[in-house]
Protein backbone atom coordinates (compact mmCIF):
# COMPACT_ATOMS: atom_id res chain seq x y z
CA MET A 1 52.25 -3.19 -7.20
CA SER A 2 50.01 -4.02 -3.92
CA GLU A 3 47.09 -5.97 -4.22
CA GLU A 4 44.65 -3.15 -3.30
CA ALA A 5 46.60 -1.10 -6.51
CA ALA A 6 46.30 -4.19 -8.58
CA PRO A 7 43.96 -3.38 -11.88
CA LYS A 8 40.62 -5.30 -11.28
CA ALA A 9 37.44 -5.70 -12.61
CA VAL A 10 34.44 -6.11 -10.06
CA TRP A 11 31.01 -7.32 -10.52
CA ARG A 12 28.53 -7.73 -7.46
CA LEU A 13 25.30 -9.56 -8.53
CA ASP A 14 22.76 -11.35 -6.47
CA VAL A 15 21.22 -14.47 -7.20
CA ALA A 16 17.95 -15.89 -5.66
CA SER A 17 18.79 -19.74 -5.73
CA GLU A 18 21.23 -22.46 -5.24
CA ALA A 19 20.50 -23.41 -8.86
CA GLU A 20 21.11 -19.62 -10.04
CA THR A 21 24.26 -20.07 -8.12
CA ILE A 22 25.34 -23.20 -10.00
CA GLU A 23 23.92 -21.63 -13.43
CA LEU A 24 26.68 -19.04 -13.07
CA ALA A 25 29.59 -20.95 -11.61
CA GLN A 26 29.08 -22.82 -15.23
CA GLU A 27 28.90 -19.55 -17.57
CA LEU A 28 31.89 -18.53 -15.55
CA SER A 29 33.87 -21.72 -16.35
CA THR A 30 33.66 -20.73 -20.13
CA LEU A 31 36.51 -17.67 -18.90
CA VAL A 32 38.84 -20.15 -17.01
CA ARG A 33 42.01 -21.46 -18.89
CA ILE A 34 44.71 -23.40 -17.86
CA GLY A 35 47.22 -21.41 -15.67
CA ASP A 36 44.49 -19.69 -14.29
CA ALA A 37 42.95 -19.36 -10.32
CA VAL A 38 39.86 -18.92 -9.38
CA MET A 39 39.45 -18.17 -5.51
CA LEU A 40 36.47 -19.02 -3.43
CA SER A 41 35.74 -16.65 0.07
CA GLY A 42 32.88 -16.15 2.04
CA ASP A 43 31.25 -17.34 5.06
CA LEU A 44 30.78 -20.74 6.35
CA GLY A 45 27.73 -22.46 4.59
CA ALA A 46 27.61 -19.47 1.86
CA GLY A 47 28.09 -22.06 -0.87
CA LYS A 48 31.82 -22.39 -1.89
CA THR A 49 31.77 -25.83 -2.83
CA THR A 50 28.56 -25.43 -4.51
CA PHE A 51 30.17 -23.30 -6.66
CA ALA A 52 33.81 -25.21 -7.03
CA ARG A 53 31.60 -28.51 -7.88
CA ALA A 54 29.67 -27.00 -10.57
CA MET A 55 32.78 -25.20 -12.39
CA ILE A 56 34.89 -28.28 -11.78
CA ARG A 57 31.81 -30.53 -13.40
CA ALA A 58 31.79 -28.01 -16.30
CA LEU A 59 35.74 -27.70 -16.77
CA VAL A 60 35.87 -31.42 -17.22
CA GLU A 61 32.21 -31.89 -18.84
CA ASP A 62 31.16 -34.35 -15.91
CA PRO A 63 27.73 -33.50 -14.69
CA ARG A 64 27.73 -36.35 -12.32
CA LEU A 65 31.23 -35.56 -10.75
CA GLU A 66 30.90 -35.62 -6.93
CA ALA A 67 33.75 -33.10 -6.16
CA PRO A 68 33.38 -33.18 -2.29
CA SER A 69 34.70 -30.39 -0.50
CA PRO A 70 38.79 -31.04 0.01
CA THR A 71 38.75 -29.67 3.88
CA PHE A 72 40.51 -32.48 5.14
CA THR A 73 42.56 -33.95 2.22
CA LEU A 74 43.65 -29.89 1.43
CA MET A 75 43.63 -31.00 -2.51
CA GLN A 76 42.09 -32.81 -4.90
CA ILE A 77 42.54 -33.56 -8.62
CA TYR A 78 40.75 -34.13 -11.41
CA GLU A 79 41.29 -34.41 -14.97
CA GLY A 80 38.88 -34.30 -18.24
CA ALA A 81 38.15 -32.66 -21.57
CA GLY A 82 41.73 -31.52 -22.07
CA ASN A 83 41.85 -30.11 -18.37
CA ARG A 84 43.66 -30.58 -14.88
CA VAL A 85 41.74 -29.11 -12.01
CA VAL A 86 43.32 -28.55 -8.88
CA HIS A 87 40.59 -28.40 -6.28
CA ALA A 88 41.79 -27.23 -2.75
CA ASP A 89 40.88 -25.99 0.43
CA PHE A 90 43.04 -23.27 2.43
CA TYR A 91 41.41 -23.66 5.62
CA ARG A 92 43.58 -26.32 7.72
CA LEU A 93 46.54 -24.38 6.19
CA GLU A 94 49.28 -22.79 8.85
CA ASN A 95 51.48 -21.25 6.51
CA THR A 96 52.51 -21.34 2.72
CA ALA A 97 55.10 -23.84 3.80
CA GLU A 98 52.89 -26.57 4.16
CA LEU A 99 51.91 -26.34 0.78
CA GLU A 100 55.49 -27.93 -0.76
CA GLY A 101 55.00 -30.96 1.37
CA LEU A 102 51.90 -31.44 -0.89
CA GLY A 103 53.51 -30.85 -3.92
CA TRP A 104 51.72 -27.96 -4.45
CA GLU A 105 53.87 -26.72 -7.10
CA GLU A 106 54.31 -29.86 -9.51
CA ALA A 107 50.25 -30.58 -8.86
CA THR A 108 49.09 -26.66 -10.33
CA ASP A 109 51.76 -26.63 -13.09
CA ASP A 110 49.56 -26.23 -16.21
CA ALA A 111 46.42 -26.78 -14.48
CA ILE A 112 43.65 -24.86 -13.31
CA VAL A 113 43.04 -24.41 -9.77
CA LEU A 114 39.89 -23.52 -7.36
CA VAL A 115 40.86 -22.89 -4.24
CA GLU A 116 38.28 -21.89 -1.23
CA TRP A 117 39.73 -20.19 1.86
CA ALA A 118 42.46 -19.11 -0.75
CA GLU A 119 43.14 -15.66 1.49
CA ARG A 120 44.93 -17.63 3.78
CA ALA A 121 47.93 -18.25 0.80
CA ARG A 122 46.73 -15.63 -1.75
CA GLU A 123 51.28 -15.29 -2.74
CA ALA A 124 51.07 -19.14 -3.59
CA LEU A 125 48.48 -18.25 -6.45
CA SER A 126 48.70 -16.95 -10.26
CA PRO A 127 48.57 -13.24 -11.07
CA ASP A 128 45.75 -14.24 -13.30
CA ARG A 129 42.95 -14.77 -11.17
CA LEU A 130 39.01 -14.87 -10.64
CA GLU A 131 38.05 -14.06 -6.81
CA VAL A 132 34.27 -14.45 -5.87
CA ARG A 133 32.97 -13.91 -2.47
CA LEU A 134 29.47 -15.46 -1.38
CA SER A 135 27.89 -13.80 1.18
CA PHE A 136 24.29 -14.18 2.78
CA VAL A 137 21.68 -11.41 1.74
CA ASP A 138 17.92 -12.61 2.29
CA GLY A 139 17.15 -13.63 6.00
CA ASP A 140 14.08 -14.98 4.75
CA ASN A 141 15.48 -16.69 1.60
CA ARG A 142 17.94 -19.44 2.61
CA GLU A 143 19.44 -19.80 -1.01
CA ALA A 144 19.66 -16.56 -2.06
CA ARG A 145 23.42 -14.83 -2.10
CA ARG A 146 25.18 -11.97 -3.00
CA LEU A 147 28.31 -12.69 -5.21
CA THR A 148 31.16 -10.38 -5.44
CA ILE A 149 33.17 -11.33 -8.16
CA SER A 150 36.82 -9.25 -9.16
CA GLY A 151 39.01 -10.03 -11.98
CA TYR A 152 43.17 -9.68 -11.59
CA GLY A 153 45.49 -10.07 -14.57
CA GLY A 154 44.28 -11.47 -17.77
CA PHE A 155 40.54 -11.45 -15.96
CA VAL A 156 40.22 -8.12 -16.01
CA ALA A 157 38.82 -7.77 -19.97
CA ARG A 158 37.52 -11.25 -19.86
CA LEU A 159 35.25 -10.42 -16.63
CA ALA A 160 34.25 -7.14 -18.28
CA SER A 161 33.41 -8.91 -21.69
CA PHE A 162 31.60 -11.71 -19.42
CA LYS A 163 29.59 -9.23 -17.50
CA ALA A 164 28.50 -7.08 -20.70
CA LEU A 165 27.04 -10.03 -22.54
CA ARG A 166 25.28 -10.96 -19.66
CA GLU A 167 23.84 -7.61 -18.79
CA LEU A 168 22.91 -7.65 -22.78
CA LEU A 169 21.08 -10.79 -22.97
CA ARG A 170 19.34 -10.09 -19.77
CA LYS A 171 17.97 -6.52 -20.92
CA ALA A 172 16.92 -7.64 -24.36
CA GLY A 173 15.39 -10.54 -23.03
CA TRP A 174 17.61 -13.48 -24.20
CA ALA A 175 18.97 -14.38 -20.76
CA HIS A 176 17.56 -17.76 -20.30
CA ALA A 177 17.86 -18.76 -24.26
CA GLU A 178 19.48 -21.98 -25.39
CA ARG A 179 23.36 -20.99 -26.67
CA ARG A 180 24.72 -23.14 -29.35
CA PHE A 181 27.98 -22.01 -31.20
CA LEU A 182 27.92 -21.68 -34.89
CA GLN A 183 30.66 -22.13 -37.03
CA GLY A 184 32.83 -19.02 -37.80
CA ASP A 185 34.68 -17.33 -40.59
CA ALA A 186 38.09 -16.23 -41.52
CA SER A 187 37.48 -13.66 -38.98
CA THR A 188 37.95 -13.15 -35.38
CA ARG A 189 34.25 -12.76 -34.81
CA ALA A 190 32.25 -15.62 -33.14
CA TYR A 191 28.70 -16.43 -33.55
CA GLU A 192 26.13 -18.02 -31.40
CA ARG A 193 22.55 -19.18 -32.53
CA LEU A 194 20.11 -18.32 -29.57
CA GLU A 195 16.85 -20.10 -28.74
CA LYS A 196 14.00 -19.41 -26.51
CA GLN A 197 11.33 -22.27 -25.08
CA ASN A 198 9.05 -20.70 -27.37
CA GLY A 199 11.18 -21.08 -30.54
CA GLN A 200 11.82 -17.80 -30.75
CA ARG A 201 15.69 -17.62 -32.51
CA ALA A 202 18.34 -15.02 -32.87
CA ILE A 203 22.15 -15.12 -33.55
CA LEU A 204 24.58 -13.39 -30.89
CA MET A 205 27.30 -11.94 -32.80
CA ILE A 206 30.69 -11.27 -30.76
CA SER A 207 33.16 -8.93 -32.36
CA PRO A 208 34.93 -7.23 -29.39
CA ALA A 209 37.00 -4.01 -30.82
CA ARG A 210 40.35 -4.80 -32.36
CA PRO A 211 43.93 -3.57 -31.65
CA ASP A 212 44.56 -1.24 -34.26
CA GLY A 213 47.68 -3.31 -34.86
CA PRO A 214 51.64 -1.76 -35.52
CA PRO A 215 51.87 1.00 -37.80
CA ILE A 216 53.02 -0.45 -41.38
CA ARG A 217 52.95 2.86 -43.96
CA PHE A 218 52.08 6.04 -43.42
CA GLY A 219 52.14 5.83 -39.88
CA LYS A 220 48.53 3.65 -40.18
CA SER A 221 48.30 -0.25 -39.37
CA TYR A 222 47.11 -2.43 -42.20
CA SER A 223 43.11 -2.25 -40.90
CA ALA A 224 43.29 1.60 -41.30
CA ILE A 225 44.96 1.35 -44.64
CA ALA A 226 42.49 -1.21 -46.31
CA ARG A 227 39.64 0.17 -44.73
CA LEU A 228 38.57 -2.83 -42.48
CA ALA A 229 36.11 -2.12 -39.48
CA GLU A 230 37.35 -2.25 -36.23
CA ASN A 231 33.98 -2.36 -34.30
CA VAL A 232 30.70 -3.09 -34.61
CA VAL A 233 29.24 0.00 -35.71
CA PRO A 234 29.84 -0.19 -39.39
CA PHE A 235 27.87 -3.55 -38.97
CA VAL A 236 24.77 -1.32 -36.85
CA ALA A 237 24.97 1.52 -39.62
CA MET A 238 25.03 -0.49 -43.06
CA SER A 239 22.52 -3.09 -41.85
CA GLN A 240 20.31 -0.12 -40.97
CA GLY A 241 21.18 1.34 -44.57
CA LEU A 242 20.37 -1.55 -46.59
CA ARG A 243 17.24 -2.39 -44.76
CA GLY A 244 16.09 1.13 -45.59
CA LEU A 245 16.70 0.20 -49.32
CA GLY A 246 14.46 -2.89 -48.86
CA LEU A 247 17.15 -5.58 -48.80
CA SER A 248 17.30 -8.30 -45.60
CA ALA A 249 20.30 -7.74 -44.05
CA PRO A 250 19.33 -8.68 -40.64
CA GLU A 251 17.82 -6.40 -38.23
CA VAL A 252 19.77 -5.42 -34.94
CA TYR A 253 17.42 -5.97 -31.86
CA ALA A 254 20.09 -5.24 -28.83
CA LYS A 255 23.66 -3.97 -28.90
CA ASP A 256 26.57 -2.94 -26.94
CA LEU A 257 29.05 -0.89 -29.12
CA ASP A 258 31.47 -0.25 -26.25
CA ALA A 259 31.84 -3.97 -25.96
CA GLY A 260 31.40 -5.13 -29.56
CA LEU A 261 28.13 -7.16 -28.83
CA LEU A 262 24.94 -7.54 -31.10
CA ILE A 263 21.60 -9.54 -31.03
CA ILE A 264 20.61 -9.57 -34.63
CA GLU A 265 17.90 -11.37 -36.46
CA ASP A 266 18.39 -14.98 -37.32
CA LEU A 267 17.53 -15.35 -40.99
CA GLY A 268 17.92 -18.99 -41.08
CA GLY A 269 20.33 -21.35 -42.61
CA GLU A 270 19.25 -22.00 -46.22
CA GLY A 271 22.28 -20.63 -49.05
CA VAL A 272 22.41 -19.95 -52.54
CA VAL A 273 24.31 -23.51 -53.15
CA ASP A 274 23.69 -26.83 -53.30
CA GLY A 275 25.54 -30.01 -53.32
CA SER A 276 26.07 -29.38 -57.32
CA GLY A 277 27.21 -26.05 -56.68
CA PRO A 278 25.65 -22.32 -57.42
CA ILE A 279 21.84 -22.56 -57.64
CA VAL A 280 21.31 -20.48 -60.80
CA GLU A 281 17.99 -18.78 -59.55
CA ARG A 282 19.42 -17.47 -56.50
CA TYR A 283 22.71 -16.11 -58.02
CA LEU A 284 20.67 -14.12 -60.77
CA GLU A 285 18.53 -12.87 -57.79
CA ALA A 286 21.62 -11.99 -56.14
CA ALA A 287 23.01 -10.16 -59.23
CA GLY A 288 19.35 -8.43 -59.21
CA ALA A 289 19.90 -7.40 -55.84
CA LEU A 290 23.64 -5.83 -56.69
CA ALA A 291 21.86 -3.91 -59.65
CA TYR A 292 18.97 -2.56 -57.80
CA LEU A 293 21.43 -1.41 -55.07
CA HIS A 294 24.27 0.25 -57.52
CA ALA A 295 21.15 2.59 -59.37
CA GLN A 296 20.07 4.13 -56.14
CA ARG A 297 21.71 7.38 -55.22
CA LEU A 298 23.17 6.11 -52.26
CA PRO A 299 24.96 8.53 -49.16
CA ASP A 300 28.59 7.90 -48.06
CA LYS A 301 27.21 8.68 -44.04
CA ILE A 302 24.23 6.79 -41.93
CA ALA A 303 22.87 8.49 -38.89
CA ILE A 304 22.87 5.57 -36.57
CA GLU A 305 19.69 4.69 -34.54
CA GLY A 306 20.44 5.60 -30.96
CA GLY A 307 22.67 8.70 -32.24
CA GLY A 308 25.96 9.58 -34.06
CA ASP A 309 26.83 9.16 -37.72
CA TYR A 310 28.82 6.84 -39.39
CA ARG A 311 30.83 7.81 -42.55
CA ILE A 312 31.11 5.34 -45.10
CA PRO A 313 35.08 4.87 -45.84
CA PRO A 314 36.37 5.06 -49.78
CA TYR A 315 37.94 2.07 -51.38
CA ASP A 316 40.98 4.49 -52.41
CA LEU A 317 44.40 3.29 -53.90
CA ASP A 318 46.20 2.77 -51.12
CA ALA A 319 43.19 -0.07 -49.77
CA LEU A 320 43.56 -1.56 -52.92
CA LEU A 321 47.21 -1.71 -53.15
CA ILE A 322 47.74 -2.84 -49.49
CA GLU A 323 45.63 -5.63 -50.37
CA VAL A 324 47.25 -7.25 -53.94
CA GLU A 325 50.20 -6.85 -51.76
CA LEU A 326 49.13 -9.47 -49.82
CA LEU A 327 50.53 -11.73 -52.58
CA VAL A 328 54.02 -11.10 -52.30
CA ASP A 329 54.23 -11.18 -48.53
CA TRP A 330 52.14 -14.35 -47.80
CA TYR A 331 51.15 -16.37 -50.82
CA LEU A 332 54.50 -16.17 -52.42
CA THR A 333 56.21 -17.85 -49.33
CA ARG A 334 53.66 -20.44 -49.55
CA LEU A 335 55.29 -21.05 -52.80
CA LYS A 336 58.72 -21.04 -51.64
CA ALA A 337 59.17 -18.19 -53.66
CA SER A 338 60.42 -14.48 -53.22
CA VAL A 339 60.65 -11.45 -55.46
CA SER A 340 63.05 -8.35 -55.14
CA SER A 341 62.59 -5.46 -53.95
CA GLY A 342 62.61 -4.16 -57.14
CA ALA A 343 60.39 -6.74 -58.28
CA LYS A 344 57.87 -5.63 -55.72
CA ALA A 345 57.85 -1.97 -56.31
CA ILE A 346 57.24 -2.70 -59.97
CA PHE A 347 54.28 -5.13 -59.02
CA LEU A 348 52.78 -2.44 -57.18
CA ASN A 349 53.58 0.47 -59.92
CA LEU A 350 51.83 -1.82 -62.51
CA TRP A 351 48.81 -2.49 -59.76
CA ARG A 352 48.59 1.42 -59.45
CA GLN A 353 48.17 1.94 -63.00
CA ALA A 354 45.56 -0.82 -64.08
CA LEU A 355 43.63 0.63 -60.84
CA VAL A 356 43.61 3.93 -61.05
CA ASP A 357 40.35 4.19 -62.82
CA VAL A 358 38.25 2.06 -60.89
CA ALA A 359 39.59 3.41 -57.53
CA SER A 360 36.64 5.77 -55.37
CA ALA A 361 38.42 8.72 -56.24
CA ALA A 362 38.41 7.94 -59.92
CA PRO A 363 36.51 10.60 -62.12
CA THR A 364 35.08 7.83 -64.42
CA GLY A 365 31.88 6.53 -62.17
CA THR A 366 30.16 7.32 -58.95
CA PRO A 367 31.29 5.38 -55.99
CA THR A 368 28.68 3.09 -54.71
CA TRP A 369 28.40 0.80 -51.58
CA THR A 370 30.89 -1.76 -52.16
CA LEU A 371 29.50 -4.60 -49.45
CA ARG A 372 33.46 -6.73 -50.12
CA ASP A 373 32.17 -9.75 -49.41
CA TYR A 374 29.22 -10.54 -51.72
CA HIS A 375 29.39 -14.02 -52.22
CA SER A 376 28.04 -17.79 -51.01
CA PRO A 377 29.05 -18.11 -47.41
CA ASN A 378 27.34 -14.49 -46.67
CA LEU A 379 24.15 -15.06 -49.12
CA LEU A 380 21.29 -16.61 -47.84
CA TRP A 381 17.75 -17.63 -49.52
CA LEU A 382 14.85 -16.57 -47.72
CA ALA A 383 11.94 -17.88 -49.85
CA GLN A 384 9.17 -16.58 -47.56
CA ARG A 385 9.99 -13.32 -48.72
CA ASN A 386 9.36 -11.72 -51.62
CA GLY A 387 11.51 -10.08 -54.73
CA LEU A 388 15.15 -8.76 -54.18
CA ALA A 389 14.39 -9.59 -50.37
CA ARG A 390 14.30 -13.39 -51.25
CA ILE A 391 18.36 -12.76 -50.87
CA GLY A 392 19.63 -12.26 -47.30
CA VAL A 393 23.10 -10.79 -46.97
CA LEU A 394 25.36 -11.37 -44.05
CA ASP A 395 28.41 -9.91 -44.29
CA PHE A 396 28.59 -5.83 -44.76
CA GLN A 397 30.85 -4.31 -41.88
CA ASP A 398 34.01 -3.74 -44.28
CA CYS A 399 31.66 -2.07 -46.67
CA VAL A 400 33.70 0.85 -48.76
CA LEU A 401 32.48 3.56 -51.32
CA GLY A 402 33.76 1.89 -54.68
CA HIS A 403 33.32 0.43 -58.30
CA PRO A 404 29.96 -1.08 -58.63
CA ALA A 405 31.80 -4.24 -60.81
CA TYR A 406 33.90 -5.28 -57.29
CA ASP A 407 30.56 -7.20 -55.74
CA VAL A 408 29.86 -8.60 -58.98
CA ALA A 409 33.13 -9.82 -59.43
CA SER A 410 32.98 -11.31 -55.84
CA LEU A 411 29.52 -13.10 -57.16
CA GLY A 412 30.67 -14.40 -60.41
CA GLN A 413 34.10 -15.47 -59.19
CA ASP A 414 32.62 -17.12 -55.68
CA ALA A 415 35.99 -17.81 -53.84
CA ARG A 416 34.09 -20.63 -51.73
CA VAL A 417 32.57 -22.30 -54.91
CA ASP A 418 32.87 -23.03 -59.05
CA VAL A 419 30.79 -20.65 -60.77
CA PRO A 420 31.30 -22.07 -64.77
CA ASP A 421 31.75 -19.94 -66.85
CA ASP A 422 28.48 -19.96 -68.75
CA LEU A 423 26.69 -18.85 -65.31
CA GLU A 424 29.36 -16.26 -64.34
CA LEU A 425 28.13 -14.79 -68.14
CA LYS A 426 24.62 -14.94 -67.33
CA LEU A 427 24.99 -13.06 -64.17
CA LEU A 428 26.79 -10.36 -66.11
CA ALA A 429 24.63 -9.99 -68.71
CA HIS A 430 21.25 -10.05 -66.51
CA TYR A 431 23.34 -7.44 -64.11
CA ALA A 432 24.29 -5.17 -67.49
CA LYS A 433 20.18 -5.53 -68.34
CA LEU A 434 18.46 -4.09 -65.25
CA ARG A 435 21.42 -1.13 -65.10
CA ARG A 436 20.61 -0.32 -68.61
CA ASP A 437 16.84 -0.54 -68.05
CA ALA A 438 17.62 1.64 -64.92
CA ASP A 439 19.69 3.99 -67.03
CA SER A 440 20.09 3.87 -70.89
CA ALA A 441 23.49 5.69 -70.26
CA PHE A 442 24.77 2.98 -68.25
CA ASP A 443 28.15 1.63 -70.43
CA MET A 444 28.73 -1.56 -70.34
CA ALA A 445 32.26 -2.04 -72.19
CA ALA A 446 33.83 0.10 -69.40
CA PHE A 447 31.94 -1.97 -66.58
CA ALA A 448 33.57 -5.35 -68.30
CA LYS A 449 36.75 -3.91 -67.93
CA ALA A 450 36.50 -2.83 -64.34
CA TYR A 451 35.33 -6.20 -63.56
CA ALA A 452 38.04 -7.69 -65.32
CA ILE A 453 40.59 -5.72 -63.46
CA LEU A 454 38.74 -6.10 -59.60
CA ALA A 455 37.92 -9.57 -60.13
CA ALA A 456 41.82 -9.91 -60.63
CA GLN A 457 42.55 -7.51 -57.58
CA ARG A 458 40.25 -9.66 -55.30
CA ALA A 459 41.62 -12.68 -56.50
CA THR A 460 45.15 -11.51 -55.85
CA LYS A 461 44.13 -10.40 -52.43
CA ILE A 462 42.44 -13.55 -52.12
CA LEU A 463 45.80 -15.78 -52.57
CA GLY A 464 47.47 -13.81 -50.37
CA ILE A 465 44.80 -14.20 -47.52
CA PHE A 466 44.01 -17.71 -47.65
CA ALA A 467 48.05 -17.90 -47.39
CA ARG A 468 48.13 -16.20 -44.13
CA LEU A 469 45.08 -17.54 -42.48
CA ASP A 470 47.47 -20.95 -42.87
CA GLN A 471 50.26 -19.76 -41.88
CA ARG A 472 49.81 -17.18 -39.44
CA ASP A 473 46.22 -18.19 -38.06
CA GLY A 474 46.93 -21.82 -37.74
CA LYS A 475 43.79 -22.26 -40.86
CA PRO A 476 44.88 -24.32 -43.21
CA GLN A 477 40.95 -25.08 -44.41
CA TYR A 478 41.25 -22.26 -46.21
CA LEU A 479 43.68 -24.11 -48.64
CA VAL A 480 41.32 -26.04 -50.55
CA HIS A 481 40.09 -23.12 -52.59
CA LEU A 482 42.97 -21.71 -53.46
CA PRO A 483 43.19 -24.15 -57.37
CA ARG A 484 40.01 -22.20 -57.70
CA VAL A 485 41.08 -18.53 -56.84
CA GLU A 486 43.87 -19.02 -59.32
CA SER A 487 41.73 -20.10 -61.74
CA TYR A 488 39.84 -16.92 -61.68
CA LEU A 489 43.05 -14.69 -61.17
CA LYS A 490 44.33 -16.26 -64.52
CA LYS A 491 41.13 -16.03 -66.35
CA SER A 492 40.81 -12.35 -65.68
CA LEU A 493 44.39 -11.76 -66.46
CA ARG A 494 43.79 -12.41 -70.06
CA HIS A 495 42.01 -8.83 -69.91
CA SER A 496 43.87 -6.72 -72.28
CA ALA A 497 43.96 -3.94 -69.46
CA LEU A 498 45.60 -6.34 -67.57
CA ALA A 499 48.52 -6.96 -70.04
CA ASP A 500 51.28 -5.56 -68.28
CA VAL A 501 50.21 -7.20 -64.84
CA ARG A 502 49.97 -10.49 -66.19
CA ALA A 503 53.39 -10.17 -67.74
CA TRP A 504 54.71 -9.65 -64.31
CA TYR A 505 53.08 -12.65 -63.07
CA GLU A 506 53.91 -15.10 -65.43
CA ALA A 507 57.80 -13.76 -65.17
CA ASN A 508 57.55 -14.19 -61.70
CA ILE A 509 55.16 -16.85 -60.50
CA PRO A 510 55.58 -19.18 -63.97
CA GLY A 511 53.89 -21.93 -62.05
CA LEU A 512 50.53 -20.40 -61.90
CA PHE A 513 50.18 -20.23 -65.87
CA ARG A 514 51.68 -23.80 -66.63
CA ASP A 515 48.41 -25.40 -67.31
CA ALA A 516 46.85 -22.05 -68.69
């Protein structure tokens, strides 16, 4: 493919000062990875070396590094922060053969390469490259520059995302806010806290649309079968819906749905647990918020502000079953165990029979908004607010139409913190009283059965997910929670409605019940 025909992303922007040029170079350094090349071109004195120096300092994390232009040495190497950076100047290069005498291939192996006047030997550089051309733009402002930035190869998507983020921050009034990375969750989403000089804060949520993945059943991917959100539209819709009911979901201040970028309300960092575990008052309030939500007549479609409708998917049998299957596929592998195809088929059939009455299509109850991750990492305490609004809810983009018992089980058998049996019973009693106060026909016995079934389903799924996070995603920190989730599973399997399911676990995972 010719250079002109190669796929690329192009971005043109003007900066008013050398300081802005330096700031942009530092920001662009976050896109650069080992093996990439950055090509700098432009007129003499346009600022190529200034740009390169700023990027090198950012890459090696040394703000005082001199990094002079390698006009006479042709090549200079810097190391730091896990990066090796080769800074070269091809202005005096006669031909690419001269690079061999410099040991170019050895020097640039596993390095980031920045080259001024790179057009003299473009073929020597990685196809994954960023090209930056600097030009004068304003005769009255000697520091003003126009930058034409082109991304090739792996930089096409990276540059497009960077541009979208910078534009969103600028349009929303957060361009000059301080940005601090926040610890993420088990998903692929990333978060940053934004803070302006006046103290105003917000959260930047970076969640680009995920590839759908290979079809695994019915011609659908896992995420499609499990009804997982594949973009930020569900978050925007459910935030709007929950806030409309008076619950404390983060307000969405600004959004770029195509790029998967949201600037949302910062609800703070005070949670519902402390060093001793669950704070009883706050857990009870969280249960009360669920009781309130489940007592409402909730739509299955939400009109999103700015256009379009979002239809909440059902938590159907296919979704519930694909989740329990994770235990066989990942958790058993961790135990260095396996089951035959026949045993796996029996496992799924037993779960199908157990779940049929609590799936979204079941005639025994009206489906509600099942937020799906309603537990301590996603719940905040907002002491300055009143009533149910004191519970801040963070994670709801995977919301489905399902049985109300699911989220109550998520809270009462919190996967990240030990919930004592007496507190779990208090939560159930408090929830049941509120539901019965709102509707005298509320059937607690039927709810308790559904609670046990869905708690066991959730624990089964989580064991598979945490094992997968370790084995596939390199996140072993979730393994510390396995004993807790195993304990919850054993407790829920005691219900008579799960007798046959329990028998399968005892026969195929006997180690799970040794200390029962």
